[in-house]
Protein backbone atom coordinates (compact mmCIF):
# COMPACT_ATOMS: atom_id res chain seq x y z
CA MET A 1 52.04 44.72 67.03
CA LYS A 2 52.61 48.00 65.00
CA PHE A 3 51.96 45.99 61.64
CA ASP A 4 48.70 44.46 63.03
CA TRP A 5 47.55 47.82 64.07
CA ILE A 6 48.24 49.39 60.69
CA ASP A 7 46.40 46.38 59.01
CA ARG A 8 43.32 46.91 61.26
CA HIS A 9 42.96 50.49 60.35
CA ARG A 10 43.91 50.50 56.52
CA ASP A 11 40.41 51.90 55.78
CA GLY A 12 40.52 54.86 58.01
CA TYR A 13 43.91 56.10 57.77
CA GLU A 14 46.49 57.04 55.03
CA MET A 15 49.20 54.16 54.82
CA ARG A 16 52.17 56.76 54.60
CA LEU A 17 50.93 58.51 57.73
CA MET A 18 50.61 55.54 59.86
CA CYS A 19 54.01 54.24 59.00
CA ASP A 20 55.60 57.61 59.56
CA THR A 21 53.95 57.84 62.97
CA LEU A 22 54.87 54.35 63.91
CA GLN A 23 58.23 54.89 62.57
CA VAL A 24 58.00 51.64 60.11
CA SER A 25 58.60 51.46 56.61
CA ARG A 26 55.90 50.58 54.05
CA SER A 27 58.13 47.75 52.56
CA GLY A 28 58.39 46.28 55.98
CA PHE A 29 54.53 46.22 56.54
CA TYR A 30 53.93 44.52 52.99
CA ALA A 31 56.54 42.09 53.73
CA TRP A 32 54.89 41.16 57.05
CA MET A 33 51.58 41.07 55.10
CA ASN A 34 52.94 38.24 52.69
CA ARG A 35 54.54 36.29 55.69
CA ALA A 36 53.08 32.98 56.48
CA PRO A 37 51.31 33.20 59.93
CA SER A 38 53.54 32.18 62.83
CA ALA A 39 52.81 28.89 64.57
CA ARG A 40 51.72 30.96 67.76
CA HIS A 41 49.30 33.16 65.64
CA GLN A 42 47.94 29.82 64.14
CA ARG A 43 47.42 28.26 67.72
CA GLN A 44 45.77 31.40 68.80
CA GLU A 45 43.38 31.47 65.67
CA SER A 46 42.75 27.73 66.26
CA LEU A 47 41.83 28.35 70.02
CA THR A 48 39.58 31.28 69.27
CA THR A 49 37.59 28.87 66.88
CA GLN A 50 37.22 26.53 69.78
CA ILE A 51 36.39 29.02 72.47
CA ARG A 52 33.63 30.35 69.96
CA GLN A 53 32.14 26.89 69.44
CA ALA A 54 32.09 26.08 73.20
CA TYR A 55 30.48 29.69 73.96
CA HIS A 56 27.97 29.11 71.37
CA ALA A 57 27.32 25.68 72.68
CA SER A 58 26.45 27.14 76.15
CA ARG A 59 23.74 29.44 74.58
CA CYS A 60 26.31 32.40 74.45
CA LEU A 61 26.06 32.43 78.37
CA TYR A 62 29.64 31.12 79.48
CA GLY A 63 32.38 33.44 80.67
CA SER A 64 35.83 32.44 80.33
CA PRO A 65 35.97 30.10 83.43
CA ARG A 66 33.31 27.67 82.10
CA VAL A 67 34.63 27.98 78.51
CA HIS A 68 37.92 27.14 80.00
CA ALA A 69 36.47 24.04 81.74
CA GLU A 70 34.70 22.90 78.50
CA LEU A 71 37.66 23.08 76.62
CA LEU A 72 39.78 21.00 79.02
CA GLU A 73 37.06 18.26 78.80
CA ARG A 74 37.32 18.25 75.08
CA GLY A 75 41.15 17.55 75.66
CA ILE A 76 42.25 21.08 74.79
CA ARG A 77 44.95 22.19 77.00
CA VAL A 78 44.91 25.84 77.75
CA CYS A 79 45.16 28.25 80.74
CA LEU A 80 42.35 30.39 82.02
CA ASN A 81 44.03 33.52 81.33
CA THR A 82 44.82 32.55 77.82
CA VAL A 83 41.05 32.19 77.28
CA ALA A 84 40.23 35.14 78.97
CA LYS A 85 42.56 37.00 76.79
CA LEU A 86 41.25 35.49 73.27
CA MET A 87 37.68 35.96 74.43
CA LYS A 88 38.33 39.72 75.12
CA GLN A 89 40.29 40.07 71.80
CA ALA A 90 37.38 38.45 69.90
CA GLN A 91 34.74 40.39 71.96
CA ILE A 92 33.10 37.07 73.02
CA ARG A 93 31.26 37.83 76.39
CA SER A 94 28.49 36.30 78.47
CA LYS A 95 25.02 37.89 78.09
CA ILE A 96 23.81 39.79 80.97
CA LYS A 97 20.69 42.11 81.48
CA ARG A 98 19.31 44.19 84.16
CA ARG A 99 17.34 42.83 87.15
CA PHE A 100 14.39 43.99 88.70
CA VAL A 101 12.70 42.71 92.00
CA VAL A 102 9.25 41.44 92.95
CA ARG A 103 8.30 40.50 96.67
CA THR A 104 7.62 36.82 97.05
CA THR A 105 8.32 36.33 100.78
CA ASP A 106 5.49 37.14 103.16
CA SER A 107 6.86 36.48 106.61
CA ASN A 108 4.23 38.38 108.52
CA HIS A 109 2.02 35.43 109.77
CA VAL A 110 1.25 33.69 112.84
CA TYR A 111 2.60 30.34 112.04
CA PRO A 112 5.74 29.01 114.06
CA ILE A 113 9.34 29.73 112.77
CA ALA A 114 11.89 27.06 112.78
CA ALA A 115 15.61 27.61 113.79
CA ASN A 116 18.15 28.05 111.10
CA VAL A 117 19.52 24.52 111.48
CA LEU A 118 21.42 24.79 108.13
CA ASP A 119 23.61 27.75 109.32
CA ARG A 120 25.03 28.48 105.82
CA GLN A 121 26.49 25.03 105.71
CA PHE A 122 25.90 24.64 102.09
CA ALA A 123 27.96 21.53 101.33
CA ALA A 124 26.62 18.01 101.69
CA ALA A 125 28.51 14.66 101.51
CA GLY A 126 25.99 13.15 99.28
CA PRO A 127 22.47 13.67 97.81
CA GLY A 128 19.23 13.42 99.78
CA GLN A 129 20.92 15.10 102.95
CA LYS A 130 20.07 19.03 102.61
CA TRP A 131 17.60 20.45 100.25
CA CYS A 132 16.95 24.41 99.89
CA CYS A 133 13.69 25.74 98.70
CA ASP A 134 12.63 29.16 97.46
CA ILE A 135 10.14 30.94 95.13
CA THR A 136 10.85 33.46 92.45
CA TYR A 137 8.83 35.08 89.57
CA ILE A 138 8.73 35.19 85.56
CA PRO A 139 7.11 38.22 83.89
CA THR A 140 4.83 37.44 81.05
CA ASP A 141 2.44 39.60 78.99
CA ARG A 142 -0.58 38.17 80.79
CA GLY A 143 0.88 38.46 84.39
CA TRP A 144 3.19 36.97 86.71
CA LEU A 145 4.01 33.15 86.68
CA TYR A 146 5.64 31.85 89.82
CA LEU A 147 8.24 29.24 90.25
CA ALA A 148 8.92 27.11 93.29
CA ALA A 149 12.11 25.19 93.21
CA VAL A 150 13.93 22.66 95.48
CA MET A 151 17.78 22.31 95.26
CA ASP A 152 19.89 19.28 96.45
CA LEU A 153 23.10 21.13 97.98
CA CYS A 154 25.35 18.27 97.28
CA SER A 155 25.00 18.31 93.61
CA ARG A 156 23.20 21.78 93.04
CA LYS A 157 20.70 19.89 91.03
CA ILE A 158 17.14 21.19 90.89
CA VAL A 159 15.27 18.09 92.04
CA GLY A 160 11.87 19.54 92.32
CA TRP A 161 9.78 22.51 90.84
CA SER A 162 6.58 23.80 90.30
CA MET A 163 4.84 26.69 88.35
CA ALA A 164 1.48 28.73 89.08
CA ASP A 165 -0.06 32.04 88.52
CA HIS A 166 -0.49 32.31 92.30
CA LEU A 167 1.56 32.15 95.74
CA ARG A 168 -0.39 29.72 97.67
CA ALA A 169 1.08 26.96 99.68
CA SER A 170 0.36 24.25 97.10
CA LEU A 171 2.99 26.01 94.72
CA CYS A 172 5.71 24.97 97.20
CA ALA A 173 3.94 21.70 98.13
CA ASP A 174 3.89 20.55 94.53
CA ALA A 175 7.64 21.43 94.15
CA LEU A 176 8.49 19.40 97.24
CA LYS A 177 6.41 16.34 96.21
CA MET A 178 8.02 16.10 92.84
CA ALA A 179 11.65 16.19 94.54
CA LEU A 180 10.37 13.44 97.00
CA ASP A 181 8.92 11.19 94.15
CA ARG A 182 12.01 11.57 91.96
CA GLN A 183 14.51 11.39 94.65
CA CYS A 184 13.37 9.16 97.19
CA PRO A 185 15.64 10.62 100.09
CA GLN A 186 16.55 8.45 103.09
CA ALA A 187 15.82 9.60 106.61
CA GLY A 188 17.47 12.63 108.05
CA LEU A 189 16.78 15.00 105.21
CA LEU A 190 17.10 18.81 106.15
CA HIS A 191 14.71 21.02 104.42
CA HIS A 192 15.94 24.90 104.23
CA SER A 193 13.72 27.64 103.36
CA ASP A 194 12.89 31.31 104.13
CA ARG A 195 10.19 32.40 106.73
CA GLY A 196 7.45 32.76 104.05
CA ILE A 197 3.86 32.00 104.80
CA GLN A 198 3.94 29.31 102.14
CA TYR A 199 6.77 27.22 103.81
CA ALA A 200 5.56 27.94 107.51
CA CYS A 201 1.89 27.37 107.23
CA GLU A 202 0.17 24.07 108.64
CA GLU A 203 -0.47 22.46 105.12
CA TYR A 204 3.27 22.56 104.26
CA GLN A 205 4.59 21.78 107.71
CA GLN A 206 2.43 18.69 107.74
CA LEU A 207 3.95 17.43 104.55
CA LEU A 208 7.43 17.79 106.07
CA GLU A 209 6.33 15.97 109.54
CA THR A 210 4.84 12.97 107.71
CA GLU A 211 7.92 12.61 105.66
CA GLY A 212 10.10 12.92 108.69
CA ILE A 213 12.11 15.85 107.41
CA THR A 214 13.93 18.25 109.74
CA VAL A 215 12.89 22.04 109.28
CA SER A 216 15.24 24.88 109.10
CA MET A 217 14.40 28.48 108.12
CA SER A 218 16.53 31.52 107.43
CA ARG A 219 16.77 34.55 109.92
CA SER A 220 14.47 37.49 109.28
CA GLY A 221 15.51 39.40 106.38
CA ASN A 222 18.92 37.47 105.72
CA CYS A 223 19.18 36.39 102.13
CA TYR A 224 22.71 34.78 102.61
CA ASP A 225 21.15 32.09 104.80
CA ASN A 226 19.45 30.65 101.59
CA ALA A 227 22.38 31.88 99.27
CA ALA A 228 22.48 28.53 97.02
CA MET A 229 18.87 29.14 96.04
CA GLU A 230 19.32 32.82 95.54
CA SER A 231 22.33 32.04 93.38
CA PHE A 232 20.31 29.53 91.03
CA PHE A 233 17.42 32.06 90.83
CA LYS A 234 19.92 34.84 89.83
CA THR A 235 21.48 32.36 87.31
CA LEU A 236 17.96 31.68 85.84
CA LYS A 237 17.28 35.20 85.18
CA VAL A 238 20.41 36.59 83.87
CA GLU A 239 20.77 33.64 81.44
CA LEU A 240 17.29 33.03 80.44
CA ILE A 241 14.43 35.21 81.92
CA TYR A 242 16.22 38.64 81.14
CA GLN A 243 16.73 37.25 77.88
CA THR A 244 13.43 36.19 76.74
CA HIS A 245 10.06 37.69 75.98
CA PHE A 246 6.93 35.42 77.20
CA ALA A 247 3.71 36.29 75.66
CA GLY A 248 1.81 33.89 78.21
CA GLU A 249 2.13 31.36 80.72
CA PRO A 250 2.18 28.22 78.34
CA GLU A 251 5.38 29.75 76.60
CA ALA A 252 6.99 30.43 79.77
CA ARG A 253 6.23 27.20 81.32
CA SER A 254 7.77 25.00 78.46
CA THR A 255 10.98 27.39 78.01
CA ILE A 256 11.64 27.20 82.03
CA PHE A 257 10.99 23.32 81.74
CA GLU A 258 13.78 23.05 79.03
CA TYR A 259 16.13 25.24 80.91
CA ILE A 260 16.05 23.34 84.20
CA GLU A 261 15.72 19.63 83.05
CA ILE A 262 17.74 19.81 79.92
CA TYR A 263 20.37 22.52 80.26
CA TYR A 264 20.80 23.55 84.05
CA ASN A 265 20.69 19.98 85.63
CA ARG A 266 22.28 18.28 82.57
CA GLN A 267 24.68 20.75 80.75
CA ARG A 268 25.53 23.92 82.49
CA ARG A 269 28.72 23.68 84.41
CA HIS A 270 28.63 24.75 88.10
CA SER A 271 31.46 26.32 89.85
CA ALA A 272 30.65 25.11 93.17
CA ILE A 273 31.05 21.48 92.12
CA GLY A 274 34.12 21.67 89.96
CA TYR A 275 32.75 22.85 86.63
CA GLN A 276 30.58 19.81 86.19
CA SER A 277 26.87 19.61 85.53
CA PRO A 278 24.70 18.38 88.65
CA GLU A 279 24.00 15.01 86.84
CA ALA A 280 27.67 14.51 85.90
CA PHE A 281 28.69 15.38 89.27
CA GLU A 282 25.98 13.07 90.87
CA ALA A 283 27.28 10.27 88.44
CA SER A 284 30.89 10.77 89.69
CA LEU A 285 29.94 10.16 93.13
CA ASN A 286 28.35 6.73 92.19
């Protein structure tokens, strides 16, 4: 460790001063420099290279747990603590930026409110049993773009989504229609959302009734009742939105489409399903 420290600070301090301070000989340091790397050192170098590859393959978004899962799938046997230590030494860290808040839920309306049937039971035995829905926002140079999404709680897959420059009920209805067309769920589907007017209004509730879907709504002002969707939107923002500048709506639409359909659903490892992607998890059920 002393020789390694001296080697890393050779340009900043005099060699004699460092050796005297650390009570080592210069001859010993130069002998260490000429010695072949140990098997342990070579192993760490190789692991760091593989960690860096997995990190860049994740778009520089993965922290140590997901990098560890990626290495295990590649057949590289290593413990999580070792991955975390090597990432820290190599200054490899997930990209995170600040968040900001825009209000998208308007629960001050006259429409009926459904009971919280889901009751924070976010696990589901199979696809098409429980869906969560919500709305978020994306800033562009030409104004806000709003995203409505539908998540299957079994696989955490985003099964439906829609984007628009408004917050009318049709935004949410289009996302639900996409999910219904793609997934063709069986009878008994539970639909959970907040109390926003977009989900409580007659137009949206009529769509749910026509499809025979059971309605569930969060309690007033309680974001934890829809925690799975809140988690997805947080992930979307820290991994994409806060990292990207959108000049206008077309650029934002294409980028978000690619993130959801290519990366999130098919590639990104999700902690709630054993660090598999949603598509891989659904395939494992079959």
